[in-house]
Amino acid sequence: MPNQVVRLIFPPHLLDVPIINQLIRRYELTFNILRAEVTAQEGWVDVQLTGSAAAIEDAIAWLSGRGIEIQRLA
């Protein structure tokens, strides 16, 4: 099954929003949190997304549409 490692960079106004929970409920993907750093002002999470290529791309588009910056790492 395809996988993609991405860094999700959260703007301050989304730090207390359960984005990853919403993503898990919305898409049939497996999420592996690899590392993260979150403070009161900023935050990022590196995750490995595993699932169909279409589901991964849909999830990335959904995240971008919510204002989360995406960096593809691998």
C-alpha atoms as a PDB file:
ATOM      1  CA  MET A   1       0.000   0.000   0.000  1.00  0.00           C
ATOM      2  CA  PRO A   2       1.363   3.469  -0.805  1.00  0.00           C
ATOM      3  CA  ASN A   3       2.590   5.725   1.969  1.00  0.00           C
ATOM      4  CA  GLN A   4       3.678   9.340   2.241  1.00  0.00           C
ATOM      5  CA  VAL A   5       5.577  11.104   5.012  1.00  0.00           C
ATOM      6  CA  VAL A   6       4.512  14.710   5.464  1.00  0.00           C
ATOM      7  CA  ARG A   7       5.101  17.529   7.909  1.00  0.00           C
ATOM      8  CA  LEU A   8       1.919  19.302   8.945  1.00  0.00           C
ATOM      9  CA  ILE A   9       2.636  22.878  10.024  1.00  0.00           C
ATOM     10  CA  PHE A  10      -0.205  24.347  12.034  1.00  0.00           C
ATOM     11  CA  PRO A  11      -0.956  28.077  12.224  1.00  0.00           C
ATOM     12  CA  PRO A  12      -1.582  29.392  15.761  1.00  0.00           C
ATOM     13  CA  HIS A  13      -5.375  29.542  15.387  1.00  0.00           C
ATOM     14  CA  LEU A  14      -5.549  25.794  14.630  1.00  0.00           C
ATOM     15  CA  LEU A  15      -3.365  24.514  17.476  1.00  0.00           C
ATOM     16  CA  ASP A  16      -6.348  23.646  19.663  1.00  0.00           C
ATOM     17  CA  VAL A  17      -8.491  22.189  16.845  1.00  0.00           C
ATOM     18  CA  PRO A  18      -8.562  18.350  16.652  1.00  0.00           C
ATOM     19  CA  ILE A  19      -7.443  18.256  12.994  1.00  0.00           C
ATOM     20  CA  ILE A  20      -5.783  14.821  13.155  1.00  0.00           C
ATOM     21  CA  ASN A  21      -8.887  13.348  14.774  1.00  0.00           C
ATOM     22  CA  GLN A  22     -11.047  14.838  11.995  1.00  0.00           C
ATOM     23  CA  LEU A  23      -8.643  13.471   9.385  1.00  0.00           C
ATOM     24  CA  ILE A  24      -8.787   9.953  10.858  1.00  0.00           C
ATOM     25  CA  ARG A  25     -12.593   9.986  10.854  1.00  0.00           C
ATOM     26  CA  ARG A  26     -12.796  11.396   7.305  1.00  0.00           C
ATOM     27  CA  TYR A  27     -10.320   9.197   5.396  1.00  0.00           C
ATOM     28  CA  GLU A  28      -9.453   5.508   5.342  1.00  0.00           C
ATOM     29  CA  LEU A  29      -5.794   5.960   6.138  1.00  0.00           C
ATOM     30  CA  THR A  30      -3.379   4.673   8.721  1.00  0.00           C
ATOM     31  CA  PHE A  31      -1.514   7.432  10.560  1.00  0.00           C
ATOM     32  CA  ASN A  32       1.831   6.991  12.231  1.00  0.00           C
ATOM     33  CA  ILE A  33       3.011  10.060  14.153  1.00  0.00           C
ATOM     34  CA  LEU A  34       6.793  10.079  13.762  1.00  0.00           C
ATOM     35  CA  ARG A  35       7.707  13.261  15.642  1.00  0.00           C
ATOM     36  CA  ALA A  36       6.170  16.543  16.671  1.00  0.00           C
ATOM     37  CA  GLU A  37       6.828  19.870  18.296  1.00  0.00           C
ATOM     38  CA  VAL A  38       3.984  22.001  19.590  1.00  0.00           C
ATOM     39  CA  THR A  39       4.138  25.202  21.620  1.00  0.00           C
ATOM     40  CA  ALA A  40       1.495  27.777  22.473  1.00  0.00           C
ATOM     41  CA  GLN A  41       2.448  29.773  19.366  1.00  0.00           C
ATOM     42  CA  GLU A  42       3.222  27.160  16.708  1.00  0.00           C
ATOM     43  CA  GLY A  43       3.303  23.487  15.991  1.00  0.00           C
ATOM     44  CA  TRP A  44       4.277  20.810  13.504  1.00  0.00           C
ATOM     45  CA  VAL A  45       3.732  17.078  13.278  1.00  0.00           C
ATOM     46  CA  ASP A  46       5.522  14.591  11.016  1.00  0.00           C
ATOM     47  CA  VAL A  47       3.166  11.788  10.040  1.00  0.00           C
ATOM     48  CA  GLN A  48       3.337   8.771   7.787  1.00  0.00           C
ATOM     49  CA  LEU A  49       0.074   8.328   5.902  1.00  0.00           C
ATOM     50  CA  THR A  50      -0.621   4.843   4.530  1.00  0.00           C
ATOM     51  CA  GLY A  51      -3.543   4.016   2.260  1.00  0.00           C
ATOM     52  CA  SER A  52      -4.603   4.385  -1.335  1.00  0.00           C
ATOM     53  CA  ALA A  53      -2.828   7.091  -3.329  1.00  0.00           C
ATOM     54  CA  ALA A  54      -6.179   8.797  -3.929  1.00  0.00           C
ATOM     55  CA  ALA A  55      -7.038   8.855  -0.204  1.00  0.00           C
ATOM     56  CA  ILE A  56      -3.603  10.281   0.639  1.00  0.00           C
ATOM     57  CA  GLU A  57      -3.958  13.053  -1.960  1.00  0.00           C
ATOM     58  CA  ASP A  58      -7.521  13.820  -0.841  1.00  0.00           C
ATOM     59  CA  ALA A  59      -6.377  14.055   2.777  1.00  0.00           C
ATOM     60  CA  ILE A  60      -3.499  16.375   1.868  1.00  0.00           C
ATOM     61  CA  ALA A  61      -5.853  18.603  -0.138  1.00  0.00           C
ATOM     62  CA  TRP A  62      -8.309  18.675   2.780  1.00  0.00           C
ATOM     63  CA  LEU A  63      -5.545  19.691   5.195  1.00  0.00           C
ATOM     64  CA  SER A  64      -4.321  22.427   2.857  1.00  0.00           C
ATOM     65  CA  GLY A  65      -7.860  23.715   2.533  1.00  0.00           C
ATOM     66  CA  ARG A  66      -8.015  24.087   6.318  1.00  0.00           C
ATOM     67  CA  GLY A  67      -4.901  26.315   6.337  1.00  0.00           C
ATOM     68  CA  ILE A  68      -2.296  23.729   7.286  1.00  0.00           C
ATOM     69  CA  GLU A  69       1.009  23.948   5.435  1.00  0.00           C
ATOM     70  CA  ILE A  70       2.146  20.600   4.042  1.00  0.00           C
ATOM     71  CA  GLN A  71       5.769  19.632   3.418  1.00  0.00           C
ATOM     72  CA  ARG A  72       6.310  16.297   1.709  1.00  0.00           C
ATOM     73  CA  LEU A  73       9.277  14.617   3.367  1.00  0.00           C
ATOM     74  CA  ALA A  74       9.403  11.183   1.734  1.00  0.00           C
END
